[in-house]
Amino acid sequence: ARRPAARKKAPKAKAESAESLADQAREARRRGEYKTAAGLYETLIDEHPESAEAKTSRVALGDLRLSKLFDPAGAVRSYRGYLGAGGGPLAPEARFGIVSAERARGRDAQEKAAIRSFLEHHPDDWRSDELRTRQVLVNKRGQQRQRAIHPAVMRHRLGVETRRVQMRAIFRHCEGLDARENVIVVRLWLAESAVGLH
C-alpha cells in the first residue's frame, strides 16, 4: 500500500517591512484610526527593533498616545524608549514629550525632573524659555503645598491636642476617686468627645 503523500507545509507569511508598516501607521493616523496606527507602530518596533523606522516610530507613538489616546504613562514609555535606544535628532521632541506627559499626569516632581533634563540637554531650544517659566511656577506650587495644611488635618491636630489636655485634667480629677467612679468619668468624657467630633 502506498503511503499518503506528506502534506507540504504552507510557506510562512513574509513579515512586512519596516517601511511598509510605517507607511500604514501614518495612513491610519491620517484617517483618524489612532488605535490602529498605534498597533502598527508597536508591531514595527517589535518586528524591526533595530530599524531607523522603529527608532522614529517610538516618538510618533509617544505623540499618538499623549495627544490622541490620552495615555500619558504609555507616552512616557515610548519617549524613554527612543532616548534609551540612543536618541538622535528627535531627542528634543522626546524630552519635551516627557515634560508634557508628566504634566498631564499631574506629577510635579517628575515634571520638574523632566524640565531639568530638557534644559540640561537642549538649553538653546526654542522651547527652553517656556520651560524655564514653567519650572518657576511648578517650584512655587510645590512650596505652597508644603506650607499649606489642609483644614481637616488642622482640625484633627487641634482635636488631638485638646483631648490630651482634657485627659490630663480628668486623670488629676480621678486621683481621689475609686475605680468605679473613674470608669464613669472616663465614659462620660468619651461620649462628649464623640459628639464634639461631628
C-alpha atoms as a PDB file:
ATOM      1  CA  ALA A   1       0.000   0.000   0.000  1.00  0.00           C
ATOM      2  CA  ARG A   2       1.235   3.355  -0.877  1.00  0.00           C
ATOM      3  CA  ARG A   3       1.857   5.782   1.903  1.00  0.00           C
ATOM      4  CA  PRO A   4      -0.109   9.020   1.645  1.00  0.00           C
ATOM      5  CA  ALA A   5       1.998  11.831   0.314  1.00  0.00           C
ATOM      6  CA  ALA A   6       3.213  14.136   3.044  1.00  0.00           C
ATOM      7  CA  ARG A   7       1.474  17.465   3.010  1.00  0.00           C
ATOM      8  CA  LYS A   8       3.656  20.363   2.148  1.00  0.00           C
ATOM      9  CA  LYS A   9       3.816  22.998   4.838  1.00  0.00           C
ATOM     10  CA  ALA A  10       2.342  26.293   3.831  1.00  0.00           C
ATOM     11  CA  PRO A  11       5.045  28.889   3.500  1.00  0.00           C
ATOM     12  CA  LYS A  12       5.141  31.368   6.354  1.00  0.00           C
ATOM     13  CA  ALA A  13       3.729  34.736   5.525  1.00  0.00           C
ATOM     14  CA  LYS A  14       6.548  37.115   4.919  1.00  0.00           C
ATOM     15  CA  ALA A  15       6.787  39.757   7.602  1.00  0.00           C
ATOM     16  CA  GLU A  16       6.043  43.204   6.330  1.00  0.00           C
ATOM     17  CA  SER A  17       8.939  45.579   6.012  1.00  0.00           C
ATOM     18  CA  ALA A  18       9.543  48.356   8.493  1.00  0.00           C
ATOM     19  CA  GLU A  19       8.929  50.900   5.756  1.00  0.00           C
ATOM     20  CA  SER A  20       5.576  49.340   4.845  1.00  0.00           C
ATOM     21  CA  LEU A  21       4.414  49.266   8.477  1.00  0.00           C
ATOM     22  CA  ALA A  22       5.469  52.878   8.990  1.00  0.00           C
ATOM     23  CA  ASP A  23       3.523  53.930   5.884  1.00  0.00           C
ATOM     24  CA  GLN A  24       0.428  52.046   7.059  1.00  0.00           C
ATOM     25  CA  ALA A  25       0.654  53.612  10.505  1.00  0.00           C
ATOM     26  CA  ARG A  26       0.900  57.111   9.036  1.00  0.00           C
ATOM     27  CA  GLU A  27      -2.060  56.439   6.753  1.00  0.00           C
ATOM     28  CA  ALA A  28      -4.168  55.111   9.633  1.00  0.00           C
ATOM     29  CA  ARG A  29      -3.283  58.188  11.621  1.00  0.00           C
ATOM     30  CA  ARG A  30      -4.362  60.460   8.757  1.00  0.00           C
ATOM     31  CA  ARG A  31      -7.709  58.644   8.671  1.00  0.00           C
ATOM     32  CA  GLY A  32      -8.153  59.193  12.413  1.00  0.00           C
ATOM     33  CA  GLU A  33      -7.764  55.493  13.227  1.00  0.00           C
ATOM     34  CA  TYR A  34      -5.486  56.158  16.148  1.00  0.00           C
ATOM     35  CA  LYS A  35      -5.663  52.766  17.854  1.00  0.00           C
ATOM     36  CA  THR A  36      -4.887  51.029  14.562  1.00  0.00           C
ATOM     37  CA  ALA A  37      -1.963  53.386  13.991  1.00  0.00           C
ATOM     38  CA  ALA A  38      -0.631  52.713  17.483  1.00  0.00           C
ATOM     39  CA  GLY A  39      -0.876  48.960  16.900  1.00  0.00           C
ATOM     40  CA  LEU A  40       1.060  49.250  13.651  1.00  0.00           C
ATOM     41  CA  TYR A  41       3.779  51.307  15.315  1.00  0.00           C
ATOM     42  CA  GLU A  42       4.025  48.699  18.076  1.00  0.00           C
ATOM     43  CA  THR A  43       4.290  45.890  15.502  1.00  0.00           C
ATOM     44  CA  LEU A  44       7.003  47.790  13.660  1.00  0.00           C
ATOM     45  CA  ILE A  45       9.006  48.288  16.866  1.00  0.00           C
ATOM     46  CA  ASP A  46       8.595  44.621  17.879  1.00  0.00           C
ATOM     47  CA  GLU A  47       9.454  43.109  14.482  1.00  0.00           C
ATOM     48  CA  HIS A  48      12.140  45.564  13.352  1.00  0.00           C
ATOM     49  CA  PRO A  49      13.611  46.962  16.585  1.00  0.00           C
ATOM     50  CA  GLU A  50      16.926  47.972  15.018  1.00  0.00           C
ATOM     51  CA  SER A  51      15.485  49.764  12.015  1.00  0.00           C
ATOM     52  CA  ALA A  52      15.544  53.514  11.568  1.00  0.00           C
ATOM     53  CA  GLU A  53      11.750  53.435  11.212  1.00  0.00           C
ATOM     54  CA  ALA A  54      11.380  51.756  14.605  1.00  0.00           C
ATOM     55  CA  LYS A  55      13.508  54.414  16.231  1.00  0.00           C
ATOM     56  CA  THR A  56      11.484  57.353  14.928  1.00  0.00           C
ATOM     57  CA  SER A  57       8.241  55.441  15.434  1.00  0.00           C
ATOM     58  CA  ARG A  58       8.820  55.470  19.189  1.00  0.00           C
ATOM     59  CA  VAL A  59       8.451  59.252  19.176  1.00  0.00           C
ATOM     60  CA  ALA A  60       5.469  59.116  16.820  1.00  0.00           C
ATOM     61  CA  LEU A  61       3.845  56.512  19.075  1.00  0.00           C
ATOM     62  CA  GLY A  62       4.526  58.688  22.116  1.00  0.00           C
ATOM     63  CA  ASP A  63       2.854  61.664  20.441  1.00  0.00           C
ATOM     64  CA  LEU A  64      -0.102  59.498  19.472  1.00  0.00           C
ATOM     65  CA  ARG A  65      -0.535  58.109  22.978  1.00  0.00           C
ATOM     66  CA  LEU A  66      -0.292  61.544  24.534  1.00  0.00           C
ATOM     67  CA  SER A  67      -2.445  63.630  22.203  1.00  0.00           C
ATOM     68  CA  LYS A  68      -4.962  61.154  20.774  1.00  0.00           C
ATOM     69  CA  LEU A  69      -5.184  58.099  23.043  1.00  0.00           C
ATOM     70  CA  PHE A  70      -4.919  60.032  26.311  1.00  0.00           C
ATOM     71  CA  ASP A  71      -2.334  57.629  27.680  1.00  0.00           C
ATOM     72  CA  PRO A  72       0.415  59.835  29.145  1.00  0.00           C
ATOM     73  CA  ALA A  73       2.044  56.938  31.004  1.00  0.00           C
ATOM     74  CA  GLY A  74       2.344  54.998  27.746  1.00  0.00           C
ATOM     75  CA  ALA A  75       3.668  58.137  26.048  1.00  0.00           C
ATOM     76  CA  VAL A  76       6.445  58.434  28.621  1.00  0.00           C
ATOM     77  CA  ARG A  77       7.449  54.811  27.977  1.00  0.00           C
ATOM     78  CA  SER A  78       7.619  55.461  24.233  1.00  0.00           C
ATOM     79  CA  TYR A  79       9.664  58.635  24.565  1.00  0.00           C
ATOM     80  CA  ARG A  80      12.040  56.989  27.029  1.00  0.00           C
ATOM     81  CA  GLY A  81      12.344  54.056  24.645  1.00  0.00           C
ATOM     82  CA  TYR A  82      13.614  56.421  21.962  1.00  0.00           C
ATOM     83  CA  LEU A  83      16.119  58.040  24.304  1.00  0.00           C
ATOM     84  CA  GLY A  84      17.180  54.669  25.694  1.00  0.00           C
ATOM     85  CA  ALA A  85      17.880  53.406  22.185  1.00  0.00           C
ATOM     86  CA  GLY A  86      20.477  56.108  21.728  1.00  0.00           C
ATOM     87  CA  GLY A  87      18.345  59.118  20.940  1.00  0.00           C
ATOM     88  CA  GLY A  88      19.021  61.147  17.836  1.00  0.00           C
ATOM     89  CA  PRO A  89      17.662  64.240  16.109  1.00  0.00           C
ATOM     90  CA  LEU A  90      14.247  63.754  17.743  1.00  0.00           C
ATOM     91  CA  ALA A  91      15.680  63.820  21.272  1.00  0.00           C
ATOM     92  CA  PRO A  92      14.323  67.336  21.969  1.00  0.00           C
ATOM     93  CA  GLU A  93      10.852  66.191  20.893  1.00  0.00           C
ATOM     94  CA  ALA A  94      11.080  63.108  23.099  1.00  0.00           C
ATOM     95  CA  ARG A  95      12.222  65.069  26.150  1.00  0.00           C
ATOM     96  CA  PHE A  96       9.600  67.767  25.605  1.00  0.00           C
ATOM     97  CA  GLY A  97       7.028  64.987  25.219  1.00  0.00           C
ATOM     98  CA  ILE A  98       8.035  63.575  28.608  1.00  0.00           C
ATOM     99  CA  VAL A  99       7.560  67.019  30.182  1.00  0.00           C
ATOM    100  CA  SER A 100       4.086  67.310  28.630  1.00  0.00           C
ATOM    101  CA  ALA A 101       3.110  63.774  29.626  1.00  0.00           C
ATOM    102  CA  GLU A 102       4.194  64.208  33.244  1.00  0.00           C
ATOM    103  CA  ARG A 103       2.275  67.498  33.356  1.00  0.00           C
ATOM    104  CA  ALA A 104      -0.802  65.668  32.050  1.00  0.00           C
ATOM    105  CA  ARG A 105      -0.359  63.077  34.802  1.00  0.00           C
ATOM    106  CA  GLY A 106      -0.206  65.824  37.427  1.00  0.00           C
ATOM    107  CA  ARG A 107       3.130  64.593  38.768  1.00  0.00           C
ATOM    108  CA  ASP A 108       5.007  67.746  39.737  1.00  0.00           C
ATOM    109  CA  ALA A 109       8.215  66.064  40.893  1.00  0.00           C
ATOM    110  CA  GLN A 110       8.529  64.067  37.668  1.00  0.00           C
ATOM    111  CA  GLU A 111       7.658  67.111  35.562  1.00  0.00           C
ATOM    112  CA  LYS A 112      10.363  69.172  37.297  1.00  0.00           C
ATOM    113  CA  ALA A 113      12.910  66.414  36.680  1.00  0.00           C
ATOM    114  CA  ALA A 114      11.869  66.228  33.007  1.00  0.00           C
ATOM    115  CA  ILE A 115      12.174  70.014  32.616  1.00  0.00           C
ATOM    116  CA  ARG A 116      15.604  69.941  34.226  1.00  0.00           C
ATOM    117  CA  SER A 117      16.713  67.172  31.847  1.00  0.00           C
ATOM    118  CA  PHE A 118      15.411  69.070  28.830  1.00  0.00           C
ATOM    119  CA  LEU A 119      17.198  72.284  29.821  1.00  0.00           C
ATOM    120  CA  GLU A 120      20.443  70.432  30.505  1.00  0.00           C
ATOM    121  CA  HIS A 121      20.434  68.743  27.096  1.00  0.00           C
ATOM    122  CA  HIS A 122      18.815  71.473  24.980  1.00  0.00           C
ATOM    123  CA  PRO A 123      19.493  74.866  26.609  1.00  0.00           C
ATOM    124  CA  ASP A 124      19.143  76.751  23.306  1.00  0.00           C
ATOM    125  CA  ASP A 125      15.984  75.047  22.086  1.00  0.00           C
ATOM    126  CA  TRP A 126      13.156  77.430  21.150  1.00  0.00           C
ATOM    127  CA  ARG A 127      11.009  75.963  23.973  1.00  0.00           C
ATOM    128  CA  SER A 128      13.615  76.487  26.694  1.00  0.00           C
ATOM    129  CA  ASP A 129      12.314  79.887  27.838  1.00  0.00           C
ATOM    130  CA  GLU A 130       8.795  78.498  28.108  1.00  0.00           C
ATOM    131  CA  LEU A 131      10.075  75.620  30.231  1.00  0.00           C
ATOM    132  CA  ARG A 132      12.111  77.899  32.478  1.00  0.00           C
ATOM    133  CA  THR A 133       8.941  79.861  33.212  1.00  0.00           C
ATOM    134  CA  ARG A 134       7.060  76.633  33.826  1.00  0.00           C
ATOM    135  CA  GLN A 135       9.814  75.437  36.149  1.00  0.00           C
ATOM    136  CA  VAL A 136       9.403  78.528  38.345  1.00  0.00           C
ATOM    137  CA  LEU A 137       5.629  78.009  38.526  1.00  0.00           C
ATOM    138  CA  VAL A 138       5.923  74.330  39.438  1.00  0.00           C
ATOM    139  CA  ASN A 139       8.530  75.124  42.109  1.00  0.00           C
ATOM    140  CA  LYS A 140       6.261  77.798  43.630  1.00  0.00           C
ATOM    141  CA  ARG A 141       3.310  75.435  43.615  1.00  0.00           C
ATOM    142  CA  GLY A 142       5.370  72.802  45.398  1.00  0.00           C
ATOM    143  CA  GLN A 143       6.429  75.299  48.063  1.00  0.00           C
ATOM    144  CA  GLN A 144       2.840  76.408  48.593  1.00  0.00           C
ATOM    145  CA  ARG A 145       1.724  72.812  49.005  1.00  0.00           C
ATOM    146  CA  GLN A 146       4.424  72.195  51.578  1.00  0.00           C
ATOM    147  CA  ARG A 147       3.371  75.264  53.579  1.00  0.00           C
ATOM    148  CA  ALA A 148      -0.351  74.669  53.313  1.00  0.00           C
ATOM    149  CA  ILE A 149      -2.048  72.441  55.882  1.00  0.00           C
ATOM    150  CA  HIS A 150      -5.404  71.039  54.918  1.00  0.00           C
ATOM    151  CA  PRO A 151      -8.203  72.309  57.253  1.00  0.00           C
ATOM    152  CA  ALA A 152      -9.194  68.740  58.081  1.00  0.00           C
ATOM    153  CA  VAL A 153      -5.614  67.976  59.156  1.00  0.00           C
ATOM    154  CA  MET A 154      -5.542  71.129  61.265  1.00  0.00           C
ATOM    155  CA  ARG A 155      -8.822  70.223  62.964  1.00  0.00           C
ATOM    156  CA  HIS A 156      -7.502  66.738  63.654  1.00  0.00           C
ATOM    157  CA  ARG A 157      -4.309  68.107  65.211  1.00  0.00           C
ATOM    158  CA  LEU A 158      -6.241  70.585  67.366  1.00  0.00           C
ATOM    159  CA  GLY A 159      -8.672  67.889  68.385  1.00  0.00           C
ATOM    160  CA  VAL A 160      -5.878  65.519  69.432  1.00  0.00           C
ATOM    161  CA  GLU A 161      -4.174  68.220  71.498  1.00  0.00           C
ATOM    162  CA  THR A 162      -7.493  69.243  73.099  1.00  0.00           C
ATOM    163  CA  ARG A 163      -8.228  65.646  74.080  1.00  0.00           C
ATOM    164  CA  ARG A 164      -4.754  65.308  75.583  1.00  0.00           C
ATOM    165  CA  VAL A 165      -5.351  68.367  77.783  1.00  0.00           C
ATOM    166  CA  GLN A 166      -8.778  67.078  78.767  1.00  0.00           C
ATOM    167  CA  MET A 167      -7.372  63.641  79.564  1.00  0.00           C
ATOM    168  CA  ARG A 168      -4.701  65.095  81.827  1.00  0.00           C
ATOM    169  CA  ALA A 169      -7.376  67.118  83.655  1.00  0.00           C
ATOM    170  CA  ILE A 170      -9.547  64.014  84.069  1.00  0.00           C
ATOM    171  CA  PHE A 171      -6.647  61.996  85.469  1.00  0.00           C
ATOM    172  CA  ARG A 172      -5.980  64.743  88.002  1.00  0.00           C
ATOM    173  CA  HIS A 173      -9.688  64.778  88.888  1.00  0.00           C
ATOM    174  CA  CYS A 174      -9.791  60.998  89.251  1.00  0.00           C
ATOM    175  CA  GLU A 175      -6.922  60.772  91.706  1.00  0.00           C
ATOM    176  CA  GLY A 176      -9.263  60.835  94.708  1.00  0.00           C
ATOM    177  CA  LEU A 177     -11.994  58.595  93.247  1.00  0.00           C
ATOM    178  CA  ASP A 178     -12.425  54.855  93.455  1.00  0.00           C
ATOM    179  CA  ALA A 179     -12.145  52.583  90.425  1.00  0.00           C
ATOM    180  CA  ARG A 180     -15.910  52.529  89.667  1.00  0.00           C
ATOM    181  CA  GLU A 181     -16.171  56.305  89.726  1.00  0.00           C
ATOM    182  CA  ASN A 182     -13.092  56.566  87.494  1.00  0.00           C
ATOM    183  CA  VAL A 183     -14.764  54.386  84.879  1.00  0.00           C
ATOM    184  CA  ILE A 184     -17.935  56.513  84.920  1.00  0.00           C
ATOM    185  CA  VAL A 185     -15.981  59.754  84.495  1.00  0.00           C
ATOM    186  CA  VAL A 186     -13.927  58.394  81.590  1.00  0.00           C
ATOM    187  CA  ARG A 187     -17.042  57.030  79.854  1.00  0.00           C
ATOM    188  CA  LEU A 188     -18.769  60.397  80.107  1.00  0.00           C
ATOM    189  CA  TRP A 189     -15.715  62.131  78.669  1.00  0.00           C
ATOM    190  CA  LEU A 190     -15.514  59.692  75.768  1.00  0.00           C
ATOM    191  CA  ALA A 191     -19.197  60.223  74.976  1.00  0.00           C
ATOM    192  CA  GLU A 192     -18.765  64.015  74.982  1.00  0.00           C
ATOM    193  CA  SER A 193     -15.644  63.749  72.785  1.00  0.00           C
ATOM    194  CA  ALA A 194     -17.512  61.620  70.246  1.00  0.00           C
ATOM    195  CA  VAL A 195     -20.242  64.271  69.981  1.00  0.00           C
ATOM    196  CA  GLY A 196     -17.636  67.012  69.592  1.00  0.00           C
ATOM    197  CA  LEU A 197     -16.013  65.224  66.666  1.00  0.00           C
ATOM    198  CA  HIS A 198     -19.139  65.592  64.464  1.00  0.00           C
END
